[in-house]
Amino acid sequence: MYLPPLFREDRLEVLHGLIRSHPLGLLISHGSDGLLANLLPFVLETGEGERGVLKAHMARANPQWRELDGEAVLVVFRGADAYVSPSLYATKRETGKVVPTWNYVMVQARGRARLHDEAGWLTPQLEALTAGREAQRAQPWSVSDAPRDYVEAQKKAIVGIEIGIAVLEGKWKVSQNQPEANRRSVVAGFSTDEATREMAGLVRTYGKLD
């Protein structure tokens, strides 16, 4: 991806944190029919490999998996994003030399996919995925809550995907290229709306306004 140095985020713990908080990734691959892309919820295993391993599964009826094994793939994870109106910039009143833009946070992971259909791989993946999403619920659901024969039948309809991360890049485009007055005015504008409050915090942190 286009990654100006000002927007680059290299800290592994930060990149891993975004994947964990926004695990629905866009899996992109290239097959005989061209490019294919599907959204899948991923589990990140950090105890394996230098940059970690991504694990997911997809429906066996989905044709994408048929040409995945051993192939290079790209997974895109998106975090907070927000439209930035020129009206939010303090310098609009001074010079008028401002244009709209979009702030966003993104992580891209590249590696080679391996397929799994054995129960010994699928069961831990499904349990980890479920536990990660259910942990904050008052009454978390677990795979074992469903009838065993039903779960086993569901497993036959999916294919596991494992991607050892070879390249991991992060882009935090959060107004770092703006003068301090504009960074502060963006934070003030975004802080009043629940939908943009997370972005306000990112602009404050990466803009070194604390």
Protein backbone atom coordinates (compact mmCIF):
# COMPACT_ATOMS: atom_id res chain seq x y z
CA MET A 1 0.00 0.00 0.00
CA TYR A 2 0.98 3.64 -0.34
CA LEU A 3 2.64 4.35 2.98
CA PRO A 4 4.24 7.77 3.58
CA PRO A 5 6.69 7.61 6.51
CA LEU A 6 4.59 10.07 8.52
CA PHE A 7 1.68 7.59 8.60
CA ARG A 8 3.69 4.39 9.12
CA GLU A 9 3.05 2.33 12.25
CA ASP A 10 5.66 -0.39 12.82
CA ARG A 11 5.12 -1.40 16.45
CA LEU A 12 4.12 -5.04 16.44
CA GLU A 13 2.02 -4.77 19.59
CA VAL A 14 0.00 -1.92 18.05
CA LEU A 15 -0.57 -3.81 14.78
CA HIS A 16 -1.58 -6.94 16.68
CA GLY A 17 -3.87 -4.86 18.87
CA LEU A 18 -5.79 -3.55 15.88
CA ILE A 19 -6.21 -7.05 14.44
CA ARG A 20 -7.56 -8.28 17.76
CA SER A 21 -9.97 -5.37 18.18
CA HIS A 22 -11.11 -5.44 14.52
CA PRO A 23 -10.77 -9.15 13.58
CA LEU A 24 -13.06 -9.06 10.54
CA GLY A 25 -10.47 -9.02 7.76
CA LEU A 26 -10.79 -8.88 3.99
CA LEU A 27 -9.02 -11.92 2.53
CA ILE A 28 -7.78 -11.16 -1.00
CA SER A 29 -6.36 -13.80 -3.33
CA HIS A 30 -5.77 -14.33 -7.03
CA GLY A 31 -7.00 -17.44 -8.81
CA SER A 32 -7.65 -18.64 -12.32
CA ASP A 33 -10.75 -16.42 -12.52
CA GLY A 34 -8.92 -13.33 -11.26
CA LEU A 35 -9.09 -11.54 -7.93
CA LEU A 36 -11.35 -12.83 -5.15
CA ALA A 37 -12.12 -11.18 -1.81
CA ASN A 38 -14.18 -12.27 1.20
CA LEU A 39 -14.64 -10.91 4.71
CA LEU A 40 -13.69 -13.45 7.38
CA PRO A 41 -13.28 -13.21 11.18
CA PHE A 42 -9.67 -14.08 12.05
CA VAL A 43 -7.94 -15.32 15.17
CA LEU A 44 -4.38 -14.04 15.67
CA GLU A 45 -1.92 -16.45 17.27
CA THR A 46 1.19 -14.56 18.39
CA GLY A 47 3.08 -17.54 19.79
CA GLU A 48 3.76 -18.84 16.30
CA GLY A 49 6.20 -17.21 13.87
CA GLU A 50 7.97 -13.86 14.12
CA ARG A 51 4.88 -11.79 13.27
CA GLY A 52 2.16 -14.25 14.23
CA VAL A 53 -0.27 -16.50 12.42
CA LEU A 54 -3.80 -15.73 11.24
CA LYS A 55 -6.41 -18.46 11.45
CA ALA A 56 -9.90 -18.46 9.97
CA HIS A 57 -12.41 -20.64 8.17
CA MET A 58 -14.77 -20.24 5.27
CA ALA A 59 -17.74 -22.09 3.86
CA ARG A 60 -16.81 -25.09 1.73
CA ALA A 61 -19.33 -23.77 -0.81
CA ASN A 62 -17.15 -20.65 -1.22
CA PRO A 63 -14.96 -21.15 -4.31
CA GLN A 64 -12.11 -18.98 -3.01
CA TRP A 65 -10.53 -21.73 -0.91
CA ARG A 66 -10.09 -24.11 -3.85
CA GLU A 67 -7.06 -22.19 -5.15
CA LEU A 68 -5.68 -20.93 -1.84
CA ASP A 69 -3.39 -23.69 -0.63
CA GLY A 70 0.23 -22.54 -0.81
CA GLU A 71 -0.69 -19.27 -2.53
CA ALA A 72 0.22 -15.72 -1.53
CA VAL A 73 -2.67 -13.79 0.01
CA LEU A 74 -3.37 -10.36 1.48
CA VAL A 75 -5.59 -9.71 4.50
CA VAL A 76 -6.75 -6.15 5.21
CA PHE A 77 -7.98 -5.08 8.66
CA ARG A 78 -9.64 -1.68 9.09
CA GLY A 79 -9.91 0.27 12.30
CA ALA A 80 -11.49 3.65 12.99
CA ASP A 81 -12.14 6.03 10.11
CA ALA A 82 -13.71 9.45 9.73
CA TYR A 83 -14.34 12.07 7.05
CA VAL A 84 -12.48 15.30 7.79
CA SER A 85 -14.32 18.40 6.61
CA PRO A 86 -12.27 21.51 5.78
CA SER A 87 -14.60 23.30 8.19
CA LEU A 88 -12.86 21.51 11.07
CA TYR A 89 -9.50 23.12 10.33
CA ALA A 90 -8.53 26.22 12.25
CA THR A 91 -6.54 27.50 9.26
CA LYS A 92 -9.68 27.61 7.08
CA ARG A 93 -10.48 30.99 8.60
CA GLU A 94 -6.94 32.24 8.04
CA THR A 95 -6.06 31.17 4.49
CA GLY A 96 -8.92 29.08 3.09
CA LYS A 97 -6.25 26.71 1.72
CA VAL A 98 -7.76 23.46 2.97
CA VAL A 99 -9.40 20.47 1.30
CA PRO A 100 -11.44 17.50 2.56
CA THR A 101 -9.74 14.24 3.44
CA TRP A 102 -10.38 10.98 5.24
CA ASN A 103 -8.62 9.78 8.37
CA TYR A 104 -8.30 6.02 8.82
CA VAL A 105 -6.39 3.20 10.44
CA MET A 106 -5.45 0.03 8.55
CA VAL A 107 -3.26 -3.05 8.88
CA GLN A 108 -2.27 -5.24 5.95
CA ALA A 109 -0.93 -8.77 6.46
CA ARG A 110 0.69 -10.82 3.70
CA GLY A 111 1.64 -14.48 3.70
CA ARG A 112 0.93 -17.88 2.18
CA ALA A 113 -2.27 -19.73 2.95
CA ARG A 114 -2.49 -23.31 4.14
CA LEU A 115 -5.77 -25.22 4.20
CA HIS A 116 -7.05 -27.45 7.00
CA ASP A 117 -10.09 -29.68 7.21
CA GLU A 118 -9.07 -31.89 10.14
CA ALA A 119 -11.16 -31.67 13.30
CA GLY A 120 -8.03 -31.29 15.43
CA TRP A 121 -7.36 -27.94 13.73
CA LEU A 122 -10.91 -26.70 13.21
CA THR A 123 -12.12 -27.30 16.76
CA PRO A 124 -9.53 -25.06 18.51
CA GLN A 125 -9.97 -22.38 15.84
CA LEU A 126 -13.74 -22.27 16.32
CA GLU A 127 -13.40 -22.27 20.10
CA ALA A 128 -10.82 -19.47 20.08
CA LEU A 129 -12.86 -17.37 17.66
CA THR A 130 -16.01 -17.78 19.72
CA ALA A 131 -14.29 -17.16 23.05
CA GLY A 132 -12.72 -13.96 21.76
CA ARG A 133 -16.06 -12.49 20.73
CA GLU A 134 -18.18 -13.82 23.61
CA ALA A 135 -15.83 -12.92 26.46
CA GLN A 136 -17.48 -9.56 27.18
CA ARG A 137 -21.03 -10.90 27.26
CA ALA A 138 -22.79 -11.44 30.58
CA GLN A 139 -23.67 -14.99 29.56
CA PRO A 140 -21.05 -16.04 26.97
CA TRP A 141 -21.97 -18.72 24.48
CA SER A 142 -19.47 -21.50 23.79
CA VAL A 143 -19.23 -24.12 21.06
CA SER A 144 -19.99 -26.82 23.61
CA ASP A 145 -23.43 -25.26 24.19
CA ALA A 146 -24.60 -26.63 20.83
CA PRO A 147 -25.35 -30.35 20.31
CA ARG A 148 -22.18 -32.26 19.47
CA ASP A 149 -23.60 -33.91 16.35
CA TYR A 150 -24.79 -30.53 15.10
CA VAL A 151 -21.34 -28.98 15.56
CA GLU A 152 -19.66 -31.91 13.80
CA ALA A 153 -22.04 -31.52 10.85
CA GLN A 154 -21.23 -27.80 10.68
CA LYS A 155 -17.50 -28.54 10.60
CA LYS A 156 -17.93 -30.63 7.48
CA ALA A 157 -19.27 -27.54 5.72
CA ILE A 158 -16.20 -25.37 6.37
CA VAL A 159 -12.51 -25.26 5.45
CA GLY A 160 -9.81 -23.92 7.77
CA ILE A 161 -7.27 -21.33 6.60
CA GLU A 162 -3.91 -20.63 8.22
CA ILE A 163 -1.68 -17.74 7.13
CA GLY A 164 1.80 -17.29 8.53
CA ILE A 165 2.37 -13.53 8.45
CA ALA A 166 5.43 -12.73 6.32
CA VAL A 167 4.80 -8.97 6.01
CA LEU A 168 2.79 -6.82 8.41
CA GLU A 169 2.26 -3.10 7.71
CA GLY A 170 0.23 -0.46 9.49
CA LYS A 171 -1.05 2.89 8.30
CA TRP A 172 -2.38 5.40 10.83
CA LYS A 173 -3.48 8.41 8.76
CA VAL A 174 -4.76 10.60 11.56
CA SER A 175 -3.97 14.23 10.70
CA GLN A 176 -0.22 14.03 11.47
CA ASN A 177 0.44 16.12 8.34
CA GLN A 178 -1.59 19.05 9.66
CA PRO A 179 -0.26 21.96 11.73
CA GLU A 180 -0.91 21.78 15.45
CA ALA A 181 -3.79 24.26 15.29
CA ASN A 182 -5.63 22.01 12.83
CA ARG A 183 -4.89 18.86 14.81
CA ARG A 184 -6.38 20.49 17.88
CA SER A 185 -9.45 21.74 16.04
CA VAL A 186 -10.03 18.28 14.53
CA VAL A 187 -9.85 16.71 17.99
CA ALA A 188 -12.33 19.27 19.29
CA GLY A 189 -14.72 18.64 16.39
CA PHE A 190 -14.52 14.87 16.56
CA SER A 191 -14.88 14.73 20.36
CA THR A 192 -18.48 15.94 20.25
CA ASP A 193 -19.75 12.97 18.21
CA GLU A 194 -19.81 9.38 19.48
CA ALA A 195 -19.14 8.10 15.95
CA THR A 196 -15.84 10.01 15.69
CA ARG A 197 -14.70 9.98 19.32
CA GLU A 198 -12.27 7.13 18.76
CA MET A 199 -10.67 9.03 15.89
CA ALA A 200 -10.40 12.11 18.10
CA GLY A 201 -8.33 10.05 20.53
CA LEU A 202 -6.06 8.81 17.75
CA VAL A 203 -5.50 12.33 16.42
CA ARG A 204 -4.67 13.48 19.94
CA THR A 205 -2.22 10.62 20.53
CA TYR A 206 -0.46 10.59 17.16
CA GLY A 207 -0.54 14.37 16.99
CA LYS A 208 1.26 14.47 20.35
CA LEU A 209 -1.31 16.75 21.89
CA ASP A 210 -1.46 15.10 25.31
